Each structure stands twice: as structure tokens, then as C-alpha cells.
Amino acid sequence: MYIEAVPNRNSPPAILLRESYRVDGKVKKRTLLNLSDWSPSLIEGLRALLKGGVVLPPGQDAITIKRSLPHGHVAAVLGTLRRIGLDRLLGPAGNRCRDLVIAMIVTRLIAPLSKLATAKALDPMTAASSLGSVLGLGEVDEDELYTALDWLLERQPQIEAALAKRHLKNGTLVLYDVSSSYLEGRCCELGQLGYNRDGKRASCRSSTACYVRRTDARSPSRCSKARPATRPPWRPRSTSSSGGSTSPMWCWSVTAV
């Protein structure tokens, strides 16, 4: 059986339920029911049943989306990280600490968060993206992230040496810049009491050095401890043509890789 729409000149087409049969080798058809008075949805439902399909009740979708996690930005950043070989540089495959470090790097780029919020964003129950499932991390807590950072700190010399070998050659011109920031609190090992350009008294500060090659490819960046509480020496950075005022440029001692 099948449903056929028969044109009816200036009137709406006739919707007929028909079946085909053979007589002396010839295919013929006969009309079983006139469905012209049926609603279009009912006709389409019967058509689907005749084709062996399943008809859902009104208001029920064939596919129910229970959860949808953003993935495009994760695929872009994680794919780039793997293409440049940073995952292999950090450690061997299958190491959970390495996978957690990769997850923190990607999260820092797509949505910077605290360690507690990062752990929640990676955990399957509270995931904010597909990153945790793509890396196969499973359940994640903030203590694991701090453990992974300790693991990364132990490997820092090897990683820096590998990056320097990849990007730096003998005689390569290397430029570096240093930025400092003050810290609230007294528990950070990178911060020490020192001069603060914002005029804050008794504040800790830390410095970060960024090394750049002539080709603008970044080599390892590292945080170095700030100097003790003394005002750094300075020299004029620029002199205005009118008043001759000067602005200080702070001198830092930074150990190159």
C-alpha cells in the first residue's frame, strides 16, 4: 500500500490510499480509501508507517540532546599545541601530570580560571568544554593540578633546554623584556619586599622575563625573584624637548637560558 496525490484540475489534489496488484502479468492499482479530508500531519504519519518507519507522538522530538559541550576552540588550541610538538616536549604520552599540564595550558588560552575553577571545568560532571573528555582526564580536583605544576617545575630545565635547542642557534640575537607586578600576601616564593612604582608601601613584587628571537618566535619565559627592598638604579629613558623631564628605566639582572 502507498499514498498517492492525484491532481484535480482547479481543486486541491485528491489524497488516496492505494495498493498495487498483478493480473495476467500486468500491474494494476485500486483505491482503498480517500484521505483528502485528513490533516497533512496525519497523512505524513501514515505515509511513514507504510514505509516501515516509526511515528512519534506530537511534541516529542526524534533526538533528545541531554548535554552539548563547546568543542571548536578546544580543537583549535589543542590541535595547534600538538602540531608544534609541545605535548611531546612536556613529557611522555600516557603521563597524567603531562595531560593535566596540557589541559591547564589550553584552559589558560581559551578561558583563564583559578585552579579550583579549572578543576571544575575539566571534571565530567561540571565540564565547561570538551577538553577534559578529549584528553581522557576523568575526575579532576585542584590538588592534582598543583601536583602537576610541581611535576612541571622539576622538568623546567629540560624543557627550557629543548626549547632553546629548537629556537636558538649560536650567534642568534635574543631580546628580552622584564615586567614586574606587586603581590598581595606573603606566601609567594617569587615575591620579595622591594620598590613599588605604584607607591604602595611594604608590598611584595615579582618579575617576569620574556625572551624573543629576531624572528619574533618566543623562547622560554620564566619568573625570577625580585630584588631585596632597595630602590633599583635608574637612568633616563627619554627626554622631552620642552621641559627636559626624564622617566626611569629599571635595570634588572636576568639569567638567559
Protein backbone atom coordinates (compact mmCIF):
# COMPACT_ATOMS: atom_id res chain seq x y z
CA MET A 1 0.00 0.00 0.00
CA TYR A 2 1.01 3.55 -0.62
CA ILE A 3 -0.38 7.08 -0.59
CA GLU A 4 -0.75 8.91 -3.87
CA ALA A 5 -1.72 12.53 -4.58
CA VAL A 6 -3.88 12.78 -7.73
CA PRO A 7 -4.14 16.24 -9.40
CA ASN A 8 -7.71 17.52 -9.60
CA ARG A 9 -7.57 20.47 -12.01
CA ASN A 10 -8.55 23.67 -10.13
CA SER A 11 -9.40 21.79 -6.93
CA PRO A 12 -6.96 20.53 -4.28
CA PRO A 13 -5.37 17.19 -5.20
CA ALA A 14 -7.05 14.01 -4.08
CA ILE A 15 -5.07 12.08 -1.48
CA LEU A 16 -5.72 8.37 -1.98
CA LEU A 17 -4.62 5.24 -0.19
CA ARG A 18 -3.92 2.66 -2.88
CA GLU A 19 -2.46 -0.76 -3.40
CA SER A 20 -0.98 -2.40 -6.47
CA TYR A 21 -1.56 -5.94 -7.73
CA ARG A 22 -0.90 -8.05 -10.84
CA VAL A 23 -3.39 -9.59 -13.24
CA ASP A 24 -2.00 -11.75 -16.05
CA GLY A 25 1.41 -10.19 -15.58
CA LYS A 26 0.11 -6.63 -15.70
CA VAL A 27 0.45 -4.22 -12.76
CA LYS A 28 -2.80 -2.62 -11.72
CA LYS A 29 -3.86 -0.49 -8.76
CA ARG A 30 -7.01 0.12 -6.81
CA THR A 31 -8.09 2.78 -4.34
CA LEU A 32 -8.73 1.64 -0.79
CA LEU A 33 -9.51 4.93 0.92
CA ASN A 34 -9.84 8.62 0.15
CA LEU A 35 -7.66 10.56 2.59
CA SER A 36 -8.38 14.03 1.23
CA ASP A 37 -10.14 15.07 4.44
CA TRP A 38 -7.22 14.04 6.66
CA SER A 39 -4.85 16.61 8.12
CA PRO A 40 -1.40 16.85 6.49
CA SER A 41 0.36 15.68 9.68
CA LEU A 42 -1.86 12.59 9.87
CA ILE A 43 -1.24 11.79 6.21
CA GLU A 44 2.52 12.09 6.65
CA GLY A 45 2.35 9.87 9.72
CA LEU A 46 0.51 7.15 7.79
CA ARG A 47 2.98 7.54 4.91
CA ALA A 48 5.88 6.95 7.32
CA LEU A 49 4.19 3.85 8.78
CA LEU A 50 3.58 2.40 5.33
CA LYS A 51 7.32 2.80 4.61
CA GLY A 52 8.21 0.89 7.78
CA GLY A 53 9.08 3.91 9.88
CA VAL A 54 8.12 4.95 13.40
CA VAL A 55 5.80 7.85 14.18
CA LEU A 56 6.44 9.87 17.33
CA PRO A 57 3.66 11.46 19.37
CA PRO A 58 3.08 15.19 18.80
CA GLY A 59 5.58 17.38 20.65
CA GLN A 60 8.21 14.65 21.02
CA ASP A 61 11.49 15.04 19.11
CA ALA A 62 13.26 12.13 17.48
CA ILE A 63 16.57 13.18 19.10
CA THR A 64 16.87 14.49 22.64
CA ILE A 65 20.02 16.49 23.41
CA LYS A 66 20.92 15.88 27.03
CA ARG A 67 24.20 17.80 27.00
CA SER A 68 26.25 19.74 24.49
CA LEU A 69 29.81 20.87 25.31
CA PRO A 70 31.68 23.55 23.31
CA HIS A 71 34.45 21.97 21.27
CA GLY A 72 35.62 24.24 18.43
CA HIS A 73 38.01 26.42 20.46
CA VAL A 74 39.36 23.33 22.23
CA ALA A 75 40.09 21.61 18.90
CA ALA A 76 41.84 24.72 17.56
CA VAL A 77 44.13 25.32 20.56
CA LEU A 78 44.82 21.66 21.33
CA GLY A 79 45.48 20.93 17.65
CA THR A 80 47.99 23.78 17.43
CA LEU A 81 49.69 22.63 20.63
CA ARG A 82 50.10 19.14 19.22
CA ARG A 83 51.17 20.40 15.80
CA ILE A 84 54.12 22.34 17.28
CA GLY A 85 55.07 19.32 19.39
CA LEU A 86 54.62 20.94 22.80
CA ASP A 87 52.85 17.88 24.18
CA ARG A 88 55.84 15.67 23.31
CA LEU A 89 58.18 18.26 24.77
CA LEU A 90 56.41 18.28 28.13
CA GLY A 91 56.64 14.56 28.74
CA PRO A 92 55.81 11.06 27.53
CA ALA A 93 52.33 10.11 26.39
CA GLY A 94 50.10 8.48 28.98
CA ASN A 95 51.51 10.56 31.85
CA ARG A 96 48.61 12.07 33.80
CA CYS A 97 50.64 15.03 35.05
CA ARG A 98 51.56 15.87 31.46
CA ASP A 99 47.92 15.68 30.38
CA LEU A 100 46.88 17.93 33.27
CA VAL A 101 49.57 20.47 32.33
CA ILE A 102 48.34 20.43 28.72
CA ALA A 103 44.78 20.97 29.98
CA MET A 104 45.91 23.94 32.08
CA ILE A 105 47.77 25.46 29.12
CA VAL A 106 44.74 25.15 26.86
CA THR A 107 42.41 26.48 29.57
CA ARG A 108 44.70 29.45 30.16
CA LEU A 109 44.32 30.36 26.48
CA ILE A 110 40.61 29.78 25.96
CA ALA A 111 39.21 30.74 29.40
CA PRO A 112 41.68 31.73 32.16
CA LEU A 113 40.43 30.50 35.53
CA SER A 114 41.67 29.77 39.00
CA LYS A 115 42.91 26.28 39.77
CA LEU A 116 39.67 25.42 41.59
CA ALA A 117 37.54 26.69 38.69
CA THR A 118 39.83 24.93 36.18
CA ALA A 119 39.35 21.62 38.00
CA LYS A 120 35.57 22.06 37.87
CA ALA A 121 35.73 22.98 34.17
CA LEU A 122 37.64 19.75 33.43
CA ASP A 123 35.62 17.40 35.62
CA PRO A 124 33.00 15.41 33.65
CA MET A 125 30.16 16.37 35.98
CA THR A 126 30.77 20.13 35.74
CA ALA A 127 32.65 20.37 32.42
CA ALA A 128 32.63 23.72 30.65
CA SER A 129 34.02 22.31 27.37
CA SER A 130 35.07 19.06 25.75
CA LEU A 131 38.71 19.47 26.87
CA GLY A 132 38.54 17.01 29.76
CA SER A 133 36.87 14.29 27.70
CA VAL A 134 39.21 14.80 24.71
CA LEU A 135 42.25 14.33 26.96
CA GLY A 136 40.57 11.48 28.86
CA LEU A 137 41.15 13.07 32.26
CA GLY A 138 38.13 11.75 34.11
CA GLU A 139 37.55 13.24 37.55
CA VAL A 140 39.88 16.16 38.36
CA ASP A 141 40.43 18.11 41.58
CA GLU A 142 42.57 21.15 42.30
CA ASP A 143 45.14 19.18 44.33
CA GLU A 144 46.00 17.19 41.20
CA LEU A 145 46.59 20.43 39.30
CA TYR A 146 49.05 21.68 41.91
CA THR A 147 50.79 18.29 41.87
CA ALA A 148 51.09 18.57 38.08
CA LEU A 149 52.64 22.03 38.46
CA ASP A 150 55.23 20.61 40.89
CA TRP A 151 55.97 17.88 38.33
CA LEU A 152 56.37 20.55 35.65
CA LEU A 153 58.74 22.58 37.83
CA GLU A 154 61.06 19.58 38.14
CA ARG A 155 61.16 19.28 34.35
CA GLN A 156 61.65 23.00 33.72
CA PRO A 157 65.42 22.85 32.97
CA GLN A 158 64.97 20.04 30.41
CA ILE A 159 62.03 21.79 28.74
CA GLU A 160 63.88 25.10 28.56
CA ALA A 161 66.96 23.40 27.12
CA ALA A 162 64.85 21.63 24.49
CA LEU A 163 63.11 24.90 23.52
CA ALA A 164 66.42 26.74 23.35
CA LYS A 165 67.87 23.98 21.16
CA ARG A 166 64.87 24.24 18.86
CA HIS A 167 64.71 28.05 18.54
CA LEU A 168 68.17 29.39 19.42
CA LYS A 169 71.39 28.91 17.48
CA ASN A 170 74.90 30.18 18.05
CA GLY A 171 75.04 33.89 17.36
CA THR A 172 71.26 34.33 17.43
CA LEU A 173 70.17 37.79 18.59
CA VAL A 174 67.92 37.43 21.62
CA LEU A 175 65.87 40.32 23.01
CA TYR A 176 64.21 40.25 26.40
CA ASP A 177 61.84 42.38 28.36
CA VAL A 178 61.00 42.35 32.05
CA SER A 179 57.71 43.18 33.68
CA SER A 180 57.07 43.44 37.41
CA SER A 181 53.89 43.30 39.46
CA TYR A 182 53.12 43.66 43.13
CA LEU A 183 51.65 40.81 45.15
CA GLU A 184 49.11 40.73 47.95
CA GLY A 185 50.18 38.36 50.69
CA ARG A 186 53.46 36.97 52.00
CA CYS A 187 53.44 33.32 50.87
CA CYS A 188 54.66 33.52 47.25
CA GLU A 189 58.29 32.41 46.86
CA LEU A 190 58.72 34.60 43.78
CA GLY A 191 57.88 37.82 45.63
CA GLN A 192 60.10 39.86 47.92
CA LEU A 193 59.79 43.28 49.51
CA GLY A 194 61.03 45.89 47.08
CA TYR A 195 60.47 49.23 45.43
CA ASN A 196 56.98 49.69 44.05
CA ARG A 197 56.36 52.16 41.22
CA ASP A 198 52.69 52.43 42.19
CA GLY A 199 53.63 53.93 45.53
CA LYS A 200 52.38 51.03 47.64
CA ARG A 201 54.36 50.70 50.87
CA ALA A 202 55.66 47.38 52.15
CA SER A 203 54.45 45.45 49.14
CA CYS A 204 55.93 42.36 47.54
CA ARG A 205 56.72 42.23 43.85
CA SER A 206 57.83 39.65 41.31
CA SER A 207 59.35 39.95 37.87
CA THR A 208 58.76 38.01 34.66
CA ALA A 209 61.24 37.89 31.80
CA CYS A 210 60.25 37.18 28.20
CA TYR A 211 62.91 36.22 25.66
CA VAL A 212 62.32 36.90 21.96
CA ARG A 213 64.36 35.91 18.92
CA ARG A 214 64.93 38.07 15.88
CA THR A 215 62.15 36.14 14.12
CA ASP A 216 59.74 37.01 16.98
CA ALA A 217 59.43 33.35 18.00
CA ARG A 218 59.08 33.22 21.77
CA SER A 219 61.57 31.18 23.74
CA PRO A 220 61.08 30.14 27.37
CA SER A 221 59.69 32.69 29.80
CA ARG A 222 60.48 32.39 33.45
CA CYS A 223 59.67 34.18 36.67
CA SER A 224 62.63 35.37 38.68
CA LYS A 225 62.68 36.52 42.26
CA ALA A 226 62.54 40.25 42.80
CA ARG A 227 65.49 42.06 44.31
CA PRO A 228 65.57 42.94 48.02
CA ALA A 229 63.93 46.07 49.36
CA THR A 230 66.12 48.68 47.71
CA ARG A 231 65.26 51.18 45.04
CA PRO A 232 66.78 49.93 41.76
CA PRO A 233 69.26 52.16 39.93
CA TRP A 234 67.79 54.08 37.05
CA ARG A 235 68.80 56.05 34.04
CA PRO A 236 66.82 58.35 31.73
CA ARG A 237 64.59 56.53 29.25
CA SER A 238 63.51 59.57 27.28
CA THR A 239 63.81 63.34 27.45
CA SER A 240 61.08 65.69 26.33
CA SER A 241 62.02 68.56 24.06
CA SER A 242 60.35 71.20 26.25
CA GLY A 243 60.86 70.55 29.95
CA GLY A 244 63.69 68.04 29.84
CA SER A 245 61.90 65.73 32.27
CA THR A 246 63.04 62.15 32.49
CA SER A 247 61.33 58.87 33.28
CA PRO A 248 63.22 55.98 34.89
CA MET A 249 64.13 52.69 33.24
CA TRP A 250 64.72 49.99 35.83
CA CYS A 251 67.74 47.74 35.36
CA TRP A 252 67.21 44.04 36.04
CA SER A 253 69.58 41.13 36.16
CA VAL A 254 68.01 38.30 34.18
CA THR A 255 69.66 34.95 33.61
CA ALA A 256 69.40 33.91 29.96
CA VAL A 257 68.72 30.31 29.00
